[in-house]
């Protein structure tokens, strides 16, 4: 199913209080499951899983604490963001 034909629900969120390698693995699984539940598959899912992994790995290396992924699927785009509580 293409993103252009999908009607979006509200954003989904995933949270951890300390990013560890098992958390990164769990988040990748969560992203894949969330997108599959919305009827998406193929390269867009693989890319989103890779982006989630990179975002959380960066949060683990540079913030060292809590992290939250937000996944939003709209008619023509997929948005994946990662927030942390690091003070820069």
Protein backbone atom coordinates (compact mmCIF):
# COMPACT_ATOMS: atom_id res chain seq x y z
CA UNK A 1 0.00 0.00 0.00
CA UNK A 2 1.39 3.41 -0.85
CA UNK A 3 1.45 6.33 1.56
CA UNK A 4 -0.63 8.35 -0.92
CA UNK A 5 -3.69 6.09 -0.43
CA UNK A 6 -3.57 5.85 3.35
CA UNK A 7 -5.90 7.76 5.74
CA UNK A 8 -3.98 8.44 8.98
CA UNK A 9 -4.91 7.75 12.58
CA UNK A 10 -3.39 9.78 15.39
CA UNK A 11 0.32 9.63 16.19
CA UNK A 12 1.74 6.60 18.00
CA UNK A 13 4.38 6.99 20.71
CA UNK A 14 7.08 4.71 22.14
CA UNK A 15 9.05 5.66 25.26
CA UNK A 16 11.97 4.35 27.31
CA UNK A 17 13.55 5.77 30.45
CA UNK A 18 17.09 4.77 29.42
CA UNK A 19 18.11 3.87 25.88
CA UNK A 20 19.97 0.54 25.76
CA UNK A 21 20.68 -1.83 22.85
CA UNK A 22 17.65 -3.99 23.73
CA UNK A 23 15.51 -0.82 23.68
CA UNK A 24 16.74 0.02 20.18
CA UNK A 25 15.82 -3.49 19.05
CA UNK A 26 12.38 -3.20 20.68
CA UNK A 27 11.79 0.17 19.03
CA UNK A 28 12.67 -1.22 15.60
CA UNK A 29 10.16 -4.02 16.15
CA UNK A 30 7.57 -1.46 17.37
CA UNK A 31 8.00 0.72 14.25
CA UNK A 32 7.65 -2.30 11.96
CA UNK A 33 4.52 -3.47 13.84
CA UNK A 34 2.93 0.00 13.86
CA UNK A 35 3.44 0.42 10.13
CA UNK A 36 2.23 -3.08 9.32
CA UNK A 37 -0.92 -2.38 11.35
CA UNK A 38 -1.48 0.62 9.09
CA UNK A 39 -1.12 -1.51 5.97
CA UNK A 40 2.36 -0.33 5.02
CA UNK A 41 5.20 -2.60 3.94
CA UNK A 42 8.27 -2.75 1.74
CA UNK A 43 11.02 -0.15 1.45
CA UNK A 44 9.19 2.59 3.37
CA UNK A 45 9.00 0.32 6.42
CA UNK A 46 12.62 -0.76 6.10
CA UNK A 47 13.70 2.89 5.86
CA UNK A 48 11.59 3.90 8.87
CA UNK A 49 13.07 1.06 10.94
CA UNK A 50 16.59 2.19 10.00
CA UNK A 51 15.79 5.82 10.88
CA UNK A 52 14.35 4.79 14.27
CA UNK A 53 17.47 2.78 15.00
CA UNK A 54 19.74 5.70 14.11
CA UNK A 55 17.69 8.21 16.13
CA UNK A 56 17.70 6.06 19.25
CA UNK A 57 21.37 5.14 18.91
CA UNK A 58 22.19 8.86 18.74
CA UNK A 59 19.99 9.50 21.79
CA UNK A 60 21.83 6.75 23.68
CA UNK A 61 25.26 8.09 22.74
CA UNK A 62 24.58 11.79 23.21
CA UNK A 63 21.69 12.09 25.67
CA UNK A 64 22.13 8.91 27.72
CA UNK A 65 18.63 8.91 29.15
CA UNK A 66 14.98 9.03 28.30
CA UNK A 67 13.87 8.94 24.70
CA UNK A 68 10.52 9.06 22.99
CA UNK A 69 9.75 8.08 19.40
CA UNK A 70 6.70 9.55 17.74
CA UNK A 71 5.37 7.99 14.56
CA UNK A 72 2.81 9.78 12.41
CA UNK A 73 1.51 8.54 9.08
CA UNK A 74 -0.30 11.10 6.95
CA UNK A 75 -1.76 10.82 3.47
CA UNK A 76 1.55 11.42 1.71
CA UNK A 77 4.23 11.26 4.39
CA UNK A 78 5.57 9.35 7.33
CA UNK A 79 7.10 11.37 10.17
CA UNK A 80 9.32 9.73 12.78
CA UNK A 81 10.77 11.92 15.51
CA UNK A 82 12.86 11.23 18.58
CA UNK A 83 12.93 13.44 21.64
CA UNK A 84 15.22 13.26 24.66
CA UNK A 85 15.86 15.30 27.78
CA UNK A 86 19.48 16.13 27.09
CA UNK A 87 20.63 19.60 28.01
CA UNK A 88 22.87 21.07 25.32
